[in-house]
Amino acid sequence: MNRPYVIINCAMSADGKIALPNRKQLRLSCDKDLERMYKLRNEFDAVLVGIGSILSDNPKLTVKEKYVKNPCQPIRIVIDSKCKTPTDSLVVNQITKTFIVTNKRCDKKFEKNVEIIECPTDLDGLIDLEIMLDILHKRGIKTLMIEGGGTVIWSFLKKDLVDDLHVYIAPIIIGGKKTPTMTDGPGIKSEDEIISLKIVAIKNLGNGILIHYKRL
């Protein structure tokens, strides 16, 4: 299988949360981390999120000229098996291309910059990430940045499809048993399934810490 170089970039609280207990979006990055994120996004061919992030946060997934002059806008990719992406969501505006990855025919009418990519599902009934990455690679996407949400991040890590992780940790506590976390999937069942990482670098950034990991 050919696939892009894949990184995960996210921000979380000191207790691993990425939103409020009611799942409302919460800014966790400081100004310096936002600048780092936009510059990093500018360097990648594509940026990917799941449909949950689109429905809850309505992100543009573009690069702001405030942080990068004459930005190279990445292709935006949404994993959306049931094609729930609203036709008026910001992720399908005409600033740049958008791929919506689904496992069935989508009859919604989007602008010409939006392409629907049909992809088979895996044994769990989810989009088969390995096949999807192969499709994206054939479309010229050699570098891919994953920004969420927790279920998507978990799926990529569990299937060993991640090369690097950049995690900003804000010095706050959110709490809550059901509060969304960085890896919101089912989790492992035994110690043999632990996902091991190697710390490459740690640096102070604003009022928080940025940790660069590699997948072992």
Protein backbone atom coordinates (compact mmCIF):
# COMPACT_ATOMS: atom_id res chain seq x y z
CA MET A 1 0.00 0.00 0.00
CA ASN A 2 1.23 3.46 -0.90
CA ARG A 3 0.13 6.17 1.49
CA PRO A 4 0.91 9.77 2.37
CA TYR A 5 3.19 10.78 5.22
CA VAL A 6 0.68 11.21 8.06
CA ILE A 7 0.88 13.40 11.14
CA ILE A 8 -1.59 14.13 13.90
CA ASN A 9 -1.75 17.68 15.21
CA CYS A 10 -3.99 18.53 18.13
CA ALA A 11 -4.34 20.52 21.31
CA MET A 12 -5.64 19.16 24.60
CA SER A 13 -5.96 20.04 28.26
CA ALA A 14 -3.59 18.69 30.90
CA ASP A 15 -6.09 15.88 31.50
CA GLY A 16 -6.35 14.98 27.82
CA LYS A 17 -9.66 16.68 26.96
CA ILE A 18 -10.26 18.44 23.63
CA ALA A 19 -13.66 20.08 24.30
CA LEU A 20 -16.09 20.93 27.08
CA PRO A 21 -18.17 18.14 28.68
CA ASN A 22 -21.13 19.16 26.46
CA ARG A 23 -18.80 18.69 23.43
CA LYS A 24 -18.73 22.42 22.71
CA GLN A 25 -15.51 23.56 21.06
CA LEU A 26 -12.96 25.19 23.35
CA ARG A 27 -9.85 27.08 22.31
CA LEU A 28 -6.90 25.31 23.87
CA SER A 29 -3.99 26.63 21.79
CA CYS A 30 -2.17 29.82 22.73
CA ASP A 31 -1.40 32.40 20.04
CA LYS A 32 2.04 30.95 19.39
CA ASP A 33 0.62 27.46 18.95
CA LEU A 34 -2.01 28.75 16.53
CA GLU A 35 0.75 30.37 14.48
CA ARG A 36 2.70 27.10 14.51
CA MET A 37 -0.39 25.15 13.48
CA TYR A 38 -1.20 27.41 10.52
CA LYS A 39 2.40 27.35 9.30
CA LEU A 40 2.43 23.57 9.59
CA ARG A 41 -0.92 23.28 7.79
CA ASN A 42 0.50 25.44 5.01
CA GLU A 43 3.26 22.86 4.42
CA PHE A 44 0.93 19.88 3.92
CA ASP A 45 -0.89 18.69 0.82
CA ALA A 46 -4.08 17.98 2.73
CA VAL A 47 -5.75 18.32 6.13
CA LEU A 48 -8.31 15.79 7.39
CA VAL A 49 -11.08 15.68 9.99
CA GLY A 50 -14.10 13.51 10.68
CA ILE A 51 -17.70 14.52 10.13
CA GLY A 52 -18.15 15.04 13.89
CA SER A 53 -15.72 17.96 13.79
CA ILE A 54 -17.60 19.48 10.86
CA LEU A 55 -20.99 19.25 12.54
CA SER A 56 -19.82 20.50 15.94
CA ASP A 57 -17.19 23.11 14.99
CA ASN A 58 -17.86 24.05 11.33
CA PRO A 59 -14.15 24.69 10.58
CA LYS A 60 -12.77 26.16 7.34
CA LEU A 61 -9.56 24.08 7.51
CA THR A 62 -7.70 26.76 5.57
CA VAL A 63 -4.53 28.77 6.24
CA LYS A 64 -5.05 32.32 7.49
CA GLU A 65 -3.03 35.03 5.77
CA LYS A 66 -2.61 36.61 9.20
CA TYR A 67 -0.06 33.87 9.91
CA VAL A 68 1.19 32.94 6.42
CA LYS A 69 1.60 35.36 3.53
CA ASN A 70 0.40 33.98 0.18
CA PRO A 71 -0.62 30.65 1.73
CA CYS A 72 -0.70 27.36 -0.14
CA GLN A 73 -4.15 26.14 0.84
CA PRO A 74 -4.25 22.37 1.51
CA ILE A 75 -6.95 20.11 0.14
CA ARG A 76 -9.58 19.58 2.84
CA ILE A 77 -10.69 16.00 3.49
CA VAL A 78 -13.76 14.97 5.48
CA ILE A 79 -14.38 11.36 6.51
CA ASP A 80 -18.14 11.27 6.22
CA SER A 81 -19.47 7.78 5.55
CA LYS A 82 -23.13 8.87 5.39
CA CYS A 83 -22.54 12.16 3.56
CA LYS A 84 -23.87 14.38 6.36
CA THR A 85 -21.70 17.37 5.43
CA PRO A 86 -24.03 20.39 5.05
CA THR A 87 -23.88 22.05 1.66
CA ASP A 88 -23.41 25.42 3.39
CA SER A 89 -20.63 24.35 5.78
CA LEU A 90 -17.41 26.34 5.70
CA VAL A 91 -15.33 23.31 4.76
CA VAL A 92 -16.91 23.24 1.29
CA ASN A 93 -16.44 26.93 0.48
CA GLN A 94 -14.57 27.72 -2.73
CA ILE A 95 -11.26 28.79 -1.18
CA THR A 96 -9.73 25.42 -2.05
CA LYS A 97 -10.63 21.83 -2.97
CA THR A 98 -12.52 19.52 -0.64
CA PHE A 99 -12.76 15.71 -0.75
CA ILE A 100 -15.66 14.09 1.08
CA VAL A 101 -14.95 10.40 1.68
CA THR A 102 -18.11 8.32 1.91
CA ASN A 103 -19.07 4.68 1.54
CA LYS A 104 -22.21 5.26 -0.46
CA ARG A 105 -23.52 7.43 -3.25
CA CYS A 106 -24.04 11.05 -2.21
CA ASP A 107 -26.77 12.96 -4.04
CA LYS A 108 -26.09 16.33 -2.41
CA LYS A 109 -25.22 19.18 -4.75
CA PHE A 110 -21.93 20.83 -3.83
CA GLU A 111 -19.85 23.39 -5.71
CA LYS A 112 -17.39 22.18 -8.35
CA ASN A 113 -14.46 22.35 -5.91
CA VAL A 114 -15.98 19.47 -3.90
CA GLU A 115 -15.32 15.87 -4.92
CA ILE A 116 -17.11 12.86 -3.46
CA ILE A 117 -14.79 9.87 -3.04
CA GLU A 118 -16.48 6.53 -2.47
CA CYS A 119 -14.47 4.15 -0.33
CA PRO A 120 -15.19 0.63 1.02
CA THR A 121 -15.63 0.01 4.73
CA ASP A 122 -13.54 -2.20 7.01
CA LEU A 123 -14.72 -5.06 9.23
CA ASP A 124 -16.04 -2.54 11.78
CA GLY A 125 -18.22 -0.84 9.18
CA LEU A 126 -16.03 2.27 9.12
CA ILE A 127 -14.25 3.84 6.16
CA ASP A 128 -11.27 1.61 5.35
CA LEU A 129 -8.42 3.98 6.14
CA GLU A 130 -5.76 1.98 4.29
CA ILE A 131 -7.77 1.98 1.07
CA MET A 132 -8.60 5.66 1.55
CA LEU A 133 -4.94 6.59 2.00
CA ASP A 134 -4.03 4.65 -1.13
CA ILE A 135 -6.71 6.55 -3.07
CA LEU A 136 -5.45 9.87 -1.74
CA HIS A 137 -1.85 8.98 -2.60
CA LYS A 138 -2.90 8.23 -6.18
CA ARG A 139 -4.50 11.69 -6.29
CA GLY A 140 -1.15 13.27 -5.51
CA ILE A 141 -1.51 13.74 -1.76
CA LYS A 142 1.89 12.88 -0.31
CA THR A 143 1.56 14.59 3.07
CA LEU A 144 -1.55 14.51 5.27
CA MET A 145 -2.30 16.35 8.50
CA ILE A 146 -5.02 14.92 10.77
CA GLU A 147 -6.69 17.39 13.11
CA GLY A 148 -9.51 15.40 14.70
CA GLY A 149 -11.69 14.48 16.20
CA GLY A 150 -10.87 11.92 18.84
CA THR A 151 -12.45 8.94 17.08
CA VAL A 152 -10.58 9.65 13.85
CA ILE A 153 -7.27 10.09 15.68
CA TRP A 154 -7.82 6.83 17.54
CA SER A 155 -8.60 4.93 14.33
CA PHE A 156 -5.41 6.10 12.60
CA LEU A 157 -3.26 5.27 15.62
CA LYS A 158 -4.87 1.88 16.16
CA LYS A 159 -4.24 0.90 12.54
CA ASP A 160 -0.61 2.11 12.74
CA LEU A 161 -1.08 4.71 10.01
CA VAL A 162 0.59 7.64 11.79
CA ASP A 163 4.20 8.78 11.45
CA ASP A 164 4.36 11.76 13.82
CA LEU A 165 2.23 13.43 16.48
CA HIS A 166 2.39 17.09 17.51
CA VAL A 167 0.42 17.62 20.73
CA TYR A 168 0.01 20.97 22.44
CA ILE A 169 -0.91 20.66 26.13
CA ALA A 170 -2.69 23.63 27.66
CA PRO A 171 -2.24 24.16 31.43
CA ILE A 172 -5.90 23.66 32.31
CA ILE A 173 -8.12 20.89 33.68
CA ILE A 174 -11.57 20.22 32.19
CA GLY A 175 -12.65 16.88 33.69
CA GLY A 176 -15.77 14.85 33.01
CA LYS A 177 -16.13 11.12 32.36
CA LYS A 178 -17.75 11.66 28.97
CA THR A 179 -15.77 14.71 27.89
CA PRO A 180 -14.18 14.18 24.44
CA THR A 181 -10.52 13.19 24.57
CA MET A 182 -7.69 13.18 22.05
CA THR A 183 -8.32 9.47 21.37
CA ASP A 184 -12.05 8.92 21.72
CA GLY A 185 -12.25 5.38 20.36
CA PRO A 186 -13.00 2.14 22.21
CA GLY A 187 -9.48 1.85 23.59
CA ILE A 188 -7.31 -1.21 24.02
CA LYS A 189 -8.39 -4.47 25.61
CA SER A 190 -5.05 -5.66 26.97
CA GLU A 191 -1.48 -4.51 27.61
CA ASP A 192 -0.39 -6.25 24.42
CA GLU A 193 -2.35 -3.65 22.42
CA ILE A 194 -0.71 -0.58 23.96
CA ILE A 195 0.22 2.01 21.31
CA SER A 196 3.80 3.03 22.05
CA LEU A 197 5.28 6.42 21.19
CA LYS A 198 8.75 7.93 21.25
CA ILE A 199 9.21 11.50 22.49
CA VAL A 200 11.27 13.41 19.93
CA ALA A 201 11.13 16.90 21.44
CA ILE A 202 9.48 18.93 24.19
CA LYS A 203 9.33 22.73 24.16
CA ASN A 204 7.59 25.49 26.05
CA LEU A 205 5.17 27.32 23.80
CA GLY A 206 3.30 30.30 25.20
CA ASN A 207 1.75 29.17 28.45
CA GLY A 208 1.71 25.50 27.46
CA ILE A 209 3.95 22.69 26.20
CA LEU A 210 4.35 21.20 22.74
CA ILE A 211 5.39 17.54 22.54
CA HIS A 212 6.56 15.94 19.30
CA TYR A 213 6.12 12.16 19.25
CA LYS A 214 6.90 9.45 16.73
CA ARG A 215 4.97 6.21 16.48
CA LEU A 216 7.14 3.22 17.43
